[in-house]
Amino acid sequence: GGWQDPDALAAVLLCLAGAGFSGFNVTIPCKVAVVPHLHALEPSAAGVGAVNVVEVRRSSSPTASAVRLIGHNTDVLGVQHAFEEAGIFDRRSSAACGVGTVAVLGAGGIARAVLAALKEQGVLQVRIFDTDAARAAELADAFDGRGFEVVAVSSTEQAAFGAEGIVNASPVGMAGCAVLAHADADIWLAEPHVRWVADMSTTL
């Protein structure tokens, strides 16, 4: 039930569309689940396979559908800005500052945005770990071969082994979820090959 129920999600979308809104935000855990319920995706969302903004378009034409729901994704740009502000990458350059391998923890909507951002920066390999192994494998299959290698692994240790960067793109650390212990980041940063750790979670 709840947000994992496609019928319930569709009902919520219909309610929002009929309430007069011009658009609305989508967040965890619906960024991927919402995609099949939309009429179209803008390129920003189509290339990622996840949506965090839905635009409600209304038509005055009697021959057209009265309401169309269009998916957008602004997460990629947000991730790029976060990387840039942290001094990890320059989003205006395709140079990845020599980064060959990055570990990504999590395989949801924000992980998809992270992968897209890493690809744009020229990262050569990404290793994904998620507690849902099937979801990690699905995400790896969706992005592998798009100019970089993406593989799913079975543990955080395998993901982090030899990686220059580590990204927490999981719910860990968000309100209502377990907190990512600072000790974990300290342990990772103590490894000579790890140059940076980025946490995409929010407590809002």
N, C-alpha and C. Protein backbone atom coordinates (compact mmCIF):
# COMPACT_ATOMS: atom_id res chain seq x y z
N GLY A 1 0.81 -1.19 0.00
CA GLY A 1 0.00 0.00 0.00
C GLY A 1 0.85 1.25 0.00
N GLY A 2 0.23 2.39 0.29
CA GLY A 2 0.96 3.65 0.39
C GLY A 2 1.55 4.07 -0.94
N TRP A 3 2.72 4.70 -0.85
CA TRP A 3 3.35 5.25 -2.05
C TRP A 3 3.87 4.17 -2.98
N GLN A 4 4.01 2.95 -2.50
CA GLN A 4 4.49 1.87 -3.34
C GLN A 4 3.36 1.25 -4.17
N ASP A 5 2.14 1.65 -3.92
CA ASP A 5 0.97 1.14 -4.64
C ASP A 5 0.73 2.02 -5.86
N PRO A 6 0.90 1.48 -7.09
CA PRO A 6 0.72 2.30 -8.29
C PRO A 6 -0.65 2.96 -8.38
N ASP A 7 -1.69 2.26 -7.95
CA ASP A 7 -3.04 2.83 -8.01
C ASP A 7 -3.17 4.03 -7.06
N ALA A 8 -2.57 3.90 -5.88
CA ALA A 8 -2.63 4.99 -4.91
C ALA A 8 -1.86 6.21 -5.43
N LEU A 9 -0.71 5.96 -6.05
CA LEU A 9 0.09 7.05 -6.60
C LEU A 9 -0.66 7.73 -7.74
N ALA A 10 -1.27 6.95 -8.61
CA ALA A 10 -2.04 7.52 -9.72
C ALA A 10 -3.19 8.37 -9.20
N ALA A 11 -3.84 7.92 -8.13
CA ALA A 11 -4.96 8.67 -7.56
C ALA A 11 -4.49 10.02 -7.01
N VAL A 12 -3.32 10.02 -6.38
CA VAL A 12 -2.77 11.27 -5.84
C VAL A 12 -2.46 12.24 -6.97
N LEU A 13 -1.88 11.73 -8.07
CA LEU A 13 -1.56 12.58 -9.21
C LEU A 13 -2.82 13.21 -9.81
N LEU A 14 -3.87 12.40 -9.95
CA LEU A 14 -5.13 12.92 -10.48
C LEU A 14 -5.72 14.00 -9.57
N CYS A 15 -5.59 13.77 -8.28
CA CYS A 15 -6.10 14.74 -7.31
C CYS A 15 -5.36 16.06 -7.42
N LEU A 16 -4.02 15.99 -7.51
CA LEU A 16 -3.21 17.20 -7.61
C LEU A 16 -3.49 17.93 -8.93
N ALA A 17 -3.62 17.16 -10.02
CA ALA A 17 -3.89 17.77 -11.32
C ALA A 17 -5.24 18.47 -11.34
N GLY A 18 -6.21 17.91 -10.62
CA GLY A 18 -7.54 18.49 -10.61
C GLY A 18 -7.72 19.59 -9.59
N ALA A 19 -6.68 19.83 -8.77
CA ALA A 19 -6.80 20.82 -7.70
C ALA A 19 -6.38 22.22 -8.14
N GLY A 20 -5.97 22.35 -9.41
CA GLY A 20 -5.62 23.67 -9.93
C GLY A 20 -4.16 24.03 -9.83
N PHE A 21 -3.33 23.09 -9.38
CA PHE A 21 -1.90 23.38 -9.29
C PHE A 21 -1.28 23.48 -10.68
N SER A 22 -0.25 24.33 -10.82
CA SER A 22 0.51 24.41 -12.06
C SER A 22 1.63 23.37 -12.09
N GLY A 23 1.97 22.88 -10.93
CA GLY A 23 3.02 21.87 -10.83
C GLY A 23 3.25 21.49 -9.39
N PHE A 24 4.06 20.47 -9.17
CA PHE A 24 4.37 20.04 -7.81
C PHE A 24 5.67 19.26 -7.81
N ASN A 25 6.28 19.19 -6.64
CA ASN A 25 7.54 18.45 -6.48
C ASN A 25 7.28 17.00 -6.12
N VAL A 26 8.21 16.17 -6.49
CA VAL A 26 8.16 14.74 -6.16
C VAL A 26 9.44 14.38 -5.42
N THR A 27 9.32 13.64 -4.35
CA THR A 27 10.51 13.28 -3.59
C THR A 27 10.48 11.80 -3.26
N ILE A 28 11.45 11.37 -2.47
CA ILE A 28 11.58 9.97 -2.09
C ILE A 28 10.28 9.49 -1.44
N PRO A 29 9.75 8.33 -1.76
CA PRO A 29 10.30 7.29 -2.62
C PRO A 29 9.64 7.21 -4.00
N CYS A 30 9.20 8.35 -4.53
CA CYS A 30 8.33 8.33 -5.72
C CYS A 30 8.99 8.82 -7.01
N LYS A 31 10.27 9.21 -6.97
CA LYS A 31 10.89 9.85 -8.13
C LYS A 31 10.94 8.94 -9.35
N VAL A 32 11.10 7.66 -9.13
CA VAL A 32 11.11 6.69 -10.25
C VAL A 32 9.71 6.13 -10.47
N ALA A 33 9.00 5.85 -9.38
CA ALA A 33 7.67 5.24 -9.47
C ALA A 33 6.68 6.12 -10.21
N VAL A 34 6.87 7.44 -10.17
CA VAL A 34 5.91 8.36 -10.79
C VAL A 34 6.02 8.35 -12.32
N VAL A 35 7.16 7.96 -12.87
CA VAL A 35 7.41 8.09 -14.31
C VAL A 35 6.33 7.45 -15.18
N PRO A 36 5.90 6.19 -14.93
CA PRO A 36 4.90 5.58 -15.81
C PRO A 36 3.53 6.27 -15.80
N HIS A 37 3.30 7.11 -14.82
CA HIS A 37 1.99 7.77 -14.69
C HIS A 37 1.94 9.12 -15.39
N LEU A 38 3.04 9.55 -16.00
CA LEU A 38 3.09 10.86 -16.64
C LEU A 38 2.85 10.75 -18.13
N HIS A 39 2.38 11.83 -18.73
CA HIS A 39 2.11 11.83 -20.18
C HIS A 39 3.38 11.97 -21.00
N ALA A 40 4.38 12.67 -20.47
CA ALA A 40 5.62 12.88 -21.20
C ALA A 40 6.73 13.29 -20.24
N LEU A 41 7.97 13.12 -20.69
CA LEU A 41 9.14 13.54 -19.92
C LEU A 41 9.95 14.55 -20.72
N GLU A 42 10.37 15.59 -20.07
CA GLU A 42 11.32 16.51 -20.67
C GLU A 42 12.68 15.80 -20.74
N PRO A 43 13.58 16.25 -21.63
CA PRO A 43 14.89 15.59 -21.76
C PRO A 43 15.64 15.46 -20.44
N SER A 44 15.48 16.46 -19.56
CA SER A 44 16.18 16.41 -18.28
C SER A 44 15.79 15.19 -17.46
N ALA A 45 14.55 14.73 -17.61
CA ALA A 45 14.07 13.57 -16.86
C ALA A 45 14.22 12.28 -17.66
N ALA A 46 14.02 12.36 -18.96
CA ALA A 46 14.08 11.15 -19.79
C ALA A 46 15.46 10.51 -19.73
N GLY A 47 16.51 11.32 -19.70
CA GLY A 47 17.86 10.78 -19.67
C GLY A 47 18.25 10.18 -18.34
N VAL A 48 17.50 10.51 -17.29
CA VAL A 48 17.82 10.04 -15.94
C VAL A 48 16.90 8.90 -15.51
N GLY A 49 15.65 8.95 -15.99
CA GLY A 49 14.69 7.93 -15.59
C GLY A 49 14.07 8.21 -14.24
N ALA A 50 14.10 9.48 -13.83
CA ALA A 50 13.51 9.89 -12.55
C ALA A 50 13.00 11.31 -12.68
N VAL A 51 12.00 11.64 -11.87
CA VAL A 51 11.33 12.94 -11.93
C VAL A 51 11.25 13.53 -10.54
N ASN A 52 11.60 14.81 -10.41
CA ASN A 52 11.39 15.47 -9.12
C ASN A 52 10.49 16.70 -9.22
N VAL A 53 10.09 17.05 -10.45
CA VAL A 53 9.14 18.14 -10.66
C VAL A 53 8.14 17.71 -11.72
N VAL A 54 6.86 17.87 -11.43
CA VAL A 54 5.81 17.57 -12.41
C VAL A 54 5.11 18.87 -12.77
N GLU A 55 5.09 19.15 -14.06
CA GLU A 55 4.39 20.32 -14.59
C GLU A 55 3.00 19.91 -15.04
N VAL A 56 2.01 20.69 -14.66
CA VAL A 56 0.63 20.42 -15.07
C VAL A 56 0.30 21.36 -16.24
N ARG A 57 0.14 20.79 -17.43
CA ARG A 57 -0.20 21.59 -18.60
C ARG A 57 -1.67 21.39 -18.93
N ARG A 58 -2.37 22.50 -19.10
CA ARG A 58 -3.80 22.45 -19.41
C ARG A 58 -4.03 22.97 -20.82
N SER A 59 -4.87 22.28 -21.55
CA SER A 59 -5.14 22.65 -22.94
C SER A 59 -6.56 23.19 -23.06
N SER A 60 -6.70 24.23 -23.90
CA SER A 60 -8.02 24.78 -24.17
C SER A 60 -8.65 24.16 -25.41
N SER A 61 -7.87 23.29 -26.08
CA SER A 61 -8.37 22.65 -27.30
C SER A 61 -9.34 21.52 -26.94
N PRO A 62 -10.51 21.49 -27.58
CA PRO A 62 -11.48 20.42 -27.28
C PRO A 62 -11.04 19.06 -27.79
N THR A 63 -10.06 19.04 -28.70
CA THR A 63 -9.59 17.77 -29.27
C THR A 63 -8.40 17.21 -28.52
N ALA A 64 -7.85 17.99 -27.59
CA ALA A 64 -6.67 17.54 -26.83
C ALA A 64 -7.07 17.18 -25.41
N SER A 65 -6.23 16.38 -24.80
CA SER A 65 -6.47 16.04 -23.40
C SER A 65 -6.45 17.31 -22.56
N ALA A 66 -7.40 17.43 -21.65
CA ALA A 66 -7.53 18.65 -20.86
C ALA A 66 -6.30 18.91 -19.99
N VAL A 67 -5.73 17.85 -19.47
CA VAL A 67 -4.58 17.99 -18.58
C VAL A 67 -3.50 16.99 -18.98
N ARG A 68 -2.27 17.48 -19.06
CA ARG A 68 -1.12 16.62 -19.31
C ARG A 68 -0.09 16.84 -18.20
N LEU A 69 0.45 15.75 -17.69
CA LEU A 69 1.46 15.82 -16.64
C LEU A 69 2.83 15.56 -17.28
N ILE A 70 3.73 16.54 -17.14
CA ILE A 70 5.03 16.50 -17.79
C ILE A 70 6.12 16.42 -16.71
N GLY A 71 6.99 15.44 -16.82
CA GLY A 71 8.04 15.25 -15.82
C GLY A 71 9.32 15.99 -16.15
N HIS A 72 9.89 16.61 -15.14
CA HIS A 72 11.17 17.31 -15.25
C HIS A 72 12.12 16.76 -14.18
N ASN A 73 13.42 17.00 -14.37
CA ASN A 73 14.40 16.62 -13.34
C ASN A 73 15.39 17.77 -13.16
N THR A 74 15.36 18.36 -11.97
CA THR A 74 16.33 19.41 -11.63
C THR A 74 17.40 18.90 -10.67
N ASP A 75 17.31 17.62 -10.29
CA ASP A 75 18.27 17.05 -9.35
C ASP A 75 19.68 17.02 -9.93
N VAL A 76 19.80 16.73 -11.23
CA VAL A 76 21.13 16.63 -11.83
C VAL A 76 21.88 17.96 -11.69
N LEU A 77 21.20 19.04 -12.02
CA LEU A 77 21.81 20.36 -11.88
C LEU A 77 22.15 20.64 -10.42
N GLY A 78 21.25 20.23 -9.51
CA GLY A 78 21.52 20.43 -8.09
C GLY A 78 22.74 19.66 -7.63
N VAL A 79 22.89 18.43 -8.10
CA VAL A 79 24.07 17.62 -7.74
C VAL A 79 25.33 18.26 -8.32
N GLN A 80 25.25 18.73 -9.56
CA GLN A 80 26.40 19.38 -10.18
C GLN A 80 26.83 20.61 -9.38
N HIS A 81 25.85 21.41 -8.95
CA HIS A 81 26.16 22.59 -8.14
C HIS A 81 26.79 22.18 -6.81
N ALA A 82 26.26 21.12 -6.19
CA ALA A 82 26.80 20.65 -4.91
C ALA A 82 28.24 20.19 -5.06
N PHE A 83 28.53 19.44 -6.12
CA PHE A 83 29.90 19.00 -6.38
C PHE A 83 30.82 20.21 -6.58
N GLU A 84 30.32 21.19 -7.34
CA GLU A 84 31.13 22.37 -7.63
C GLU A 84 31.41 23.18 -6.36
N GLU A 85 30.37 23.39 -5.55
CA GLU A 85 30.55 24.16 -4.33
C GLU A 85 31.50 23.48 -3.36
N ALA A 86 31.53 22.14 -3.39
CA ALA A 86 32.44 21.39 -2.51
C ALA A 86 33.85 21.31 -3.08
N GLY A 87 34.05 21.84 -4.29
CA GLY A 87 35.37 21.82 -4.90
C GLY A 87 35.75 20.47 -5.48
N ILE A 88 34.75 19.61 -5.71
CA ILE A 88 35.03 18.27 -6.23
C ILE A 88 35.18 18.31 -7.75
N PHE A 89 34.22 18.93 -8.43
CA PHE A 89 34.23 19.05 -9.88
C PHE A 89 33.89 20.48 -10.28
N ASP A 90 34.21 20.82 -11.50
CA ASP A 90 33.75 22.06 -12.12
C ASP A 90 32.75 21.66 -13.18
N ARG A 91 31.46 21.97 -12.97
CA ARG A 91 30.42 21.52 -13.90
C ARG A 91 30.56 22.15 -15.28
N ARG A 92 31.34 23.22 -15.40
CA ARG A 92 31.54 23.86 -16.70
C ARG A 92 32.63 23.17 -17.52
N SER A 93 33.27 22.18 -16.88
CA SER A 93 34.34 21.45 -17.57
C SER A 93 34.01 19.98 -17.59
N SER A 94 34.39 19.29 -18.65
CA SER A 94 34.17 17.84 -18.73
C SER A 94 35.31 17.07 -18.07
N ALA A 95 36.32 17.79 -17.59
CA ALA A 95 37.44 17.12 -16.94
C ALA A 95 37.03 16.66 -15.55
N ALA A 96 37.34 15.42 -15.23
CA ALA A 96 36.94 14.85 -13.94
C ALA A 96 38.03 14.92 -12.91
N CYS A 97 39.02 15.81 -13.12
CA CYS A 97 40.10 15.99 -12.16
C CYS A 97 40.81 14.68 -11.85
N GLY A 98 40.90 13.81 -12.84
CA GLY A 98 41.61 12.56 -12.67
C GLY A 98 40.85 11.48 -11.94
N VAL A 99 39.56 11.68 -11.67
CA VAL A 99 38.78 10.69 -10.93
C VAL A 99 38.43 9.53 -11.85
N GLY A 100 38.85 8.33 -11.46
CA GLY A 100 38.56 7.16 -12.27
C GLY A 100 37.37 6.37 -11.77
N THR A 101 37.27 6.20 -10.43
CA THR A 101 36.22 5.36 -9.85
C THR A 101 35.54 6.08 -8.70
N VAL A 102 34.20 6.03 -8.69
CA VAL A 102 33.40 6.62 -7.62
C VAL A 102 32.43 5.56 -7.11
N ALA A 103 32.27 5.48 -5.80
CA ALA A 103 31.28 4.59 -5.19
C ALA A 103 30.01 5.38 -4.90
N VAL A 104 28.87 4.81 -5.26
CA VAL A 104 27.57 5.44 -4.99
C VAL A 104 26.77 4.49 -4.11
N LEU A 105 26.36 4.97 -2.95
CA LEU A 105 25.55 4.18 -2.03
C LEU A 105 24.10 4.60 -2.18
N GLY A 106 23.26 3.67 -2.64
CA GLY A 106 21.87 3.98 -2.93
C GLY A 106 21.59 3.84 -4.41
N ALA A 107 20.34 3.48 -4.75
CA ALA A 107 19.99 3.27 -6.16
C ALA A 107 18.62 3.84 -6.49
N GLY A 108 18.24 4.92 -5.79
CA GLY A 108 16.95 5.55 -6.04
C GLY A 108 17.07 6.71 -7.01
N GLY A 109 16.11 7.65 -6.89
CA GLY A 109 16.06 8.76 -7.81
C GLY A 109 17.27 9.67 -7.75
N ILE A 110 17.75 9.98 -6.54
CA ILE A 110 18.91 10.88 -6.43
C ILE A 110 20.17 10.19 -6.92
N ALA A 111 20.26 8.87 -6.75
CA ALA A 111 21.41 8.14 -7.27
C ALA A 111 21.47 8.25 -8.79
N ARG A 112 20.31 8.25 -9.44
CA ARG A 112 20.28 8.42 -10.89
C ARG A 112 20.81 9.80 -11.29
N ALA A 113 20.46 10.82 -10.52
CA ALA A 113 20.97 12.15 -10.79
C ALA A 113 22.48 12.22 -10.56
N VAL A 114 22.94 11.55 -9.53
CA VAL A 114 24.38 11.50 -9.25
C VAL A 114 25.13 10.84 -10.41
N LEU A 115 24.59 9.73 -10.91
CA LEU A 115 25.23 9.04 -12.03
C LEU A 115 25.30 9.94 -13.26
N ALA A 116 24.22 10.65 -13.54
CA ALA A 116 24.21 11.54 -14.70
C ALA A 116 25.26 12.64 -14.53
N ALA A 117 25.38 13.18 -13.32
CA ALA A 117 26.36 14.23 -13.07
C ALA A 117 27.79 13.69 -13.18
N LEU A 118 28.02 12.49 -12.67
CA LEU A 118 29.35 11.90 -12.75
C LEU A 118 29.74 11.61 -14.20
N LYS A 119 28.77 11.17 -14.99
CA LYS A 119 29.03 10.92 -16.40
C LYS A 119 29.46 12.20 -17.09
N GLU A 120 28.75 13.30 -16.80
CA GLU A 120 29.08 14.58 -17.43
C GLU A 120 30.49 15.03 -17.07
N GLN A 121 30.98 14.60 -15.91
CA GLN A 121 32.31 15.01 -15.49
C GLN A 121 33.40 14.06 -15.98
N GLY A 122 33.01 13.02 -16.70
CA GLY A 122 34.00 12.14 -17.29
C GLY A 122 34.53 11.05 -16.38
N VAL A 123 33.83 10.77 -15.28
CA VAL A 123 34.24 9.67 -14.41
C VAL A 123 34.19 8.37 -15.20
N LEU A 124 35.17 7.52 -14.99
CA LEU A 124 35.31 6.31 -15.80
C LEU A 124 34.49 5.14 -15.30
N GLN A 125 34.37 5.00 -13.98
CA GLN A 125 33.65 3.85 -13.42
C GLN A 125 32.89 4.25 -12.18
N VAL A 126 31.67 3.70 -12.03
CA VAL A 126 30.87 3.89 -10.81
C VAL A 126 30.47 2.53 -10.29
N ARG A 127 30.64 2.34 -8.98
CA ARG A 127 30.19 1.11 -8.33
C ARG A 127 29.01 1.47 -7.43
N ILE A 128 27.91 0.74 -7.60
CA ILE A 128 26.68 1.02 -6.86
C ILE A 128 26.41 -0.06 -5.84
N PHE A 129 26.10 0.37 -4.61
CA PHE A 129 25.59 -0.58 -3.62
C PHE A 129 24.26 -0.08 -3.09
N ASP A 130 23.30 -0.99 -3.00
CA ASP A 130 22.01 -0.70 -2.39
C ASP A 130 21.57 -1.94 -1.63
N THR A 131 20.84 -1.74 -0.54
CA THR A 131 20.35 -2.89 0.22
C THR A 131 19.40 -3.74 -0.61
N ASP A 132 18.79 -3.13 -1.63
CA ASP A 132 17.97 -3.85 -2.60
C ASP A 132 18.85 -4.17 -3.80
N ALA A 133 19.41 -5.38 -3.81
CA ALA A 133 20.37 -5.75 -4.85
C ALA A 133 19.77 -5.68 -6.25
N ALA A 134 18.50 -6.04 -6.38
CA ALA A 134 17.86 -6.01 -7.70
C ALA A 134 17.76 -4.58 -8.21
N ARG A 135 17.47 -3.64 -7.33
CA ARG A 135 17.36 -2.24 -7.75
C ARG A 135 18.73 -1.70 -8.17
N ALA A 136 19.77 -2.09 -7.44
CA ALA A 136 21.12 -1.67 -7.80
C ALA A 136 21.51 -2.22 -9.17
N ALA A 137 21.17 -3.47 -9.42
CA ALA A 137 21.49 -4.10 -10.71
C ALA A 137 20.72 -3.42 -11.84
N GLU A 138 19.46 -3.09 -11.59
CA GLU A 138 18.64 -2.42 -12.60
C GLU A 138 19.23 -1.05 -12.95
N LEU A 139 19.67 -0.31 -11.93
CA LEU A 139 20.26 1.00 -12.18
C LEU A 139 21.57 0.88 -12.94
N ALA A 140 22.38 -0.11 -12.56
CA ALA A 140 23.65 -0.31 -13.27
C ALA A 140 23.40 -0.63 -14.74
N ASP A 141 22.43 -1.48 -15.00
CA ASP A 141 22.11 -1.85 -16.40
C ASP A 141 21.62 -0.64 -17.18
N ALA A 142 20.89 0.25 -16.52
CA ALA A 142 20.32 1.41 -17.20
C ALA A 142 21.40 2.41 -17.61
N PHE A 143 22.48 2.50 -16.85
CA PHE A 143 23.51 3.51 -17.12
C PHE A 143 24.80 2.95 -17.70
N ASP A 144 25.05 1.67 -17.54
CA ASP A 144 26.30 1.11 -18.03
C ASP A 144 26.40 1.24 -19.55
N GLY A 145 27.57 1.61 -20.02
CA GLY A 145 27.78 1.75 -21.45
C GLY A 145 27.46 3.12 -22.01
N ARG A 146 27.04 4.04 -21.15
CA ARG A 146 26.76 5.40 -21.60
C ARG A 146 28.01 6.28 -21.54
N GLY A 147 29.12 5.70 -21.91
CA GLY A 147 30.37 6.45 -21.88
C GLY A 147 31.17 6.19 -20.62
N PHE A 148 30.64 5.37 -19.72
CA PHE A 148 31.39 4.96 -18.55
C PHE A 148 30.86 3.61 -18.07
N GLU A 149 31.62 2.97 -17.18
CA GLU A 149 31.25 1.65 -16.68
C GLU A 149 30.50 1.80 -15.36
N VAL A 150 29.37 1.13 -15.25
CA VAL A 150 28.58 1.16 -14.02
C VAL A 150 28.30 -0.27 -13.60
N VAL A 151 28.69 -0.62 -12.39
CA VAL A 151 28.50 -2.00 -11.91
C VAL A 151 27.84 -1.98 -10.54
N ALA A 152 27.02 -2.98 -10.28
CA ALA A 152 26.41 -3.16 -8.96
C ALA A 152 27.26 -4.13 -8.16
N VAL A 153 27.47 -3.81 -6.88
CA VAL A 153 28.28 -4.67 -6.01
C VAL A 153 27.45 -5.04 -4.79
N SER A 154 27.96 -5.96 -4.00
CA SER A 154 27.15 -6.53 -2.92
C SER A 154 27.46 -5.99 -1.53
N SER A 155 28.35 -5.00 -1.41
CA SER A 155 28.66 -4.44 -0.10
C SER A 155 29.24 -3.04 -0.25
N THR A 156 29.18 -2.26 0.84
CA THR A 156 29.79 -0.93 0.81
C THR A 156 31.30 -1.05 0.66
N GLU A 157 31.86 -2.12 1.23
CA GLU A 157 33.31 -2.31 1.13
C GLU A 157 33.74 -2.52 -0.31
N GLN A 158 32.96 -3.33 -1.05
CA GLN A 158 33.28 -3.54 -2.46
C GLN A 158 33.10 -2.26 -3.26
N ALA A 159 32.11 -1.48 -2.91
CA ALA A 159 31.88 -0.23 -3.63
C ALA A 159 33.02 0.75 -3.40
N ALA A 160 33.49 0.83 -2.16
CA ALA A 160 34.50 1.83 -1.80
C ALA A 160 35.92 1.41 -2.14
N PHE A 161 36.16 0.12 -2.38
CA PHE A 161 37.52 -0.37 -2.59
C PHE A 161 38.16 0.31 -3.81
N GLY A 162 39.22 1.04 -3.58
CA GLY A 162 39.94 1.69 -4.66
C GLY A 162 39.27 2.93 -5.23
N ALA A 163 38.13 3.34 -4.67
CA ALA A 163 37.40 4.50 -5.21
C ALA A 163 38.04 5.80 -4.74
N GLU A 164 38.10 6.78 -5.64
CA GLU A 164 38.61 8.10 -5.27
C GLU A 164 37.55 8.94 -4.58
N GLY A 165 36.28 8.68 -4.88
CA GLY A 165 35.19 9.42 -4.26
C GLY A 165 34.07 8.50 -3.83
N ILE A 166 33.33 8.90 -2.79
CA ILE A 166 32.21 8.11 -2.28
C ILE A 166 31.01 9.04 -2.10
N VAL A 167 29.86 8.66 -2.66
CA VAL A 167 28.65 9.47 -2.57
C VAL A 167 27.56 8.70 -1.83
N ASN A 168 27.03 9.28 -0.75
CA ASN A 168 25.87 8.71 -0.10
C ASN A 168 24.63 9.26 -0.79
N ALA A 169 23.99 8.44 -1.61
CA ALA A 169 22.75 8.82 -2.30
C ALA A 169 21.59 7.98 -1.80
N SER A 170 21.72 7.48 -0.58
CA SER A 170 20.69 6.64 0.04
C SER A 170 19.88 7.49 1.03
N PRO A 171 18.77 6.95 1.56
CA PRO A 171 18.00 7.70 2.57
C PRO A 171 18.71 7.83 3.90
N VAL A 172 19.81 7.11 4.09
CA VAL A 172 20.53 7.15 5.36
C VAL A 172 20.96 8.59 5.67
N GLY A 173 20.57 9.08 6.83
CA GLY A 173 20.89 10.44 7.23
C GLY A 173 19.71 11.38 7.13
N MET A 174 18.64 10.96 6.41
CA MET A 174 17.45 11.81 6.29
C MET A 174 16.59 11.66 7.53
N ALA A 175 15.70 12.64 7.72
CA ALA A 175 14.79 12.60 8.86
C ALA A 175 14.00 11.30 8.84
N GLY A 176 13.97 10.61 9.98
CA GLY A 176 13.24 9.36 10.07
C GLY A 176 14.06 8.14 9.68
N CYS A 177 15.29 8.37 9.20
CA CYS A 177 16.17 7.26 8.82
C CYS A 177 17.40 7.28 9.72
N ALA A 178 18.13 6.19 9.68
CA ALA A 178 19.37 6.13 10.44
C ALA A 178 20.32 7.22 9.97
N VAL A 179 21.14 7.71 10.86
CA VAL A 179 22.09 8.76 10.53
C VAL A 179 23.40 8.14 10.06
N LEU A 180 23.97 8.70 9.00
CA LEU A 180 25.27 8.25 8.52
C LEU A 180 26.32 8.72 9.50
N ALA A 181 26.89 7.79 10.23
CA ALA A 181 27.85 8.15 11.28
C ALA A 181 29.06 8.86 10.68
N HIS A 182 29.49 9.93 11.35
CA HIS A 182 30.67 10.65 10.86
C HIS A 182 31.88 9.73 10.85
N ALA A 183 31.87 8.74 11.75
CA ALA A 183 33.00 7.80 11.80
C ALA A 183 33.15 7.06 10.47
N ASP A 184 32.01 6.78 9.81
CA ASP A 184 32.10 6.09 8.51
C ASP A 184 32.88 6.94 7.51
N ALA A 185 32.53 8.23 7.44
CA ALA A 185 33.22 9.13 6.52
C ALA A 185 34.69 9.24 6.90
N ASP A 186 34.98 9.30 8.21
CA ASP A 186 36.36 9.40 8.66
C ASP A 186 37.16 8.17 8.27
N ILE A 187 36.52 7.00 8.39
CA ILE A 187 37.20 5.75 8.02
C ILE A 187 37.50 5.75 6.53
N TRP A 188 36.50 6.14 5.73
CA TRP A 188 36.71 6.16 4.28
C TRP A 188 37.80 7.14 3.89
N LEU A 189 37.80 8.33 4.51
CA LEU A 189 38.77 9.36 4.17
C LEU A 189 40.18 8.99 4.64
N ALA A 190 40.25 8.06 5.59
CA ALA A 190 41.57 7.61 6.05
C ALA A 190 42.25 6.72 5.02
N GLU A 191 41.44 6.18 4.09
CA GLU A 191 42.02 5.35 3.03
C GLU A 191 42.79 6.25 2.06
N PRO A 192 43.99 5.87 1.69
CA PRO A 192 44.83 6.75 0.86
C PRO A 192 44.24 7.06 -0.51
N HIS A 193 43.39 6.16 -1.03
CA HIS A 193 42.85 6.38 -2.37
C HIS A 193 41.62 7.28 -2.36
N VAL A 194 40.95 7.46 -1.20
CA VAL A 194 39.72 8.25 -1.13
C VAL A 194 40.07 9.73 -0.99
N ARG A 195 39.62 10.51 -1.99
CA ARG A 195 39.91 11.94 -1.99
C ARG A 195 38.76 12.76 -1.44
N TRP A 196 37.53 12.25 -1.52
CA TRP A 196 36.38 13.01 -1.04
C TRP A 196 35.20 12.10 -0.75
N VAL A 197 34.31 12.57 0.16
CA VAL A 197 33.05 11.90 0.49
C VAL A 197 31.94 12.94 0.40
N ALA A 198 30.88 12.65 -0.34
CA ALA A 198 29.76 13.58 -0.51
C ALA A 198 28.49 12.92 0.02
N ASP A 199 27.70 13.67 0.79
CA ASP A 199 26.46 13.16 1.36
C ASP A 199 25.29 13.93 0.76
N MET A 200 24.43 13.24 0.02
CA MET A 200 23.29 13.88 -0.65
C MET A 200 22.03 13.87 0.20
N SER A 201 22.10 13.35 1.42
CA SER A 201 20.90 13.28 2.25
C SER A 201 20.59 14.65 2.84
N THR A 202 19.33 14.84 3.25
CA THR A 202 18.90 16.08 3.88
C THR A 202 18.03 15.75 5.06
N THR A 203 18.09 16.59 6.08
CA THR A 203 17.27 16.36 7.26
C THR A 203 15.97 17.14 7.19
N LEU A 204 15.72 17.85 6.08
CA LEU A 204 14.49 18.63 5.94
C LEU A 204 13.30 17.73 5.73
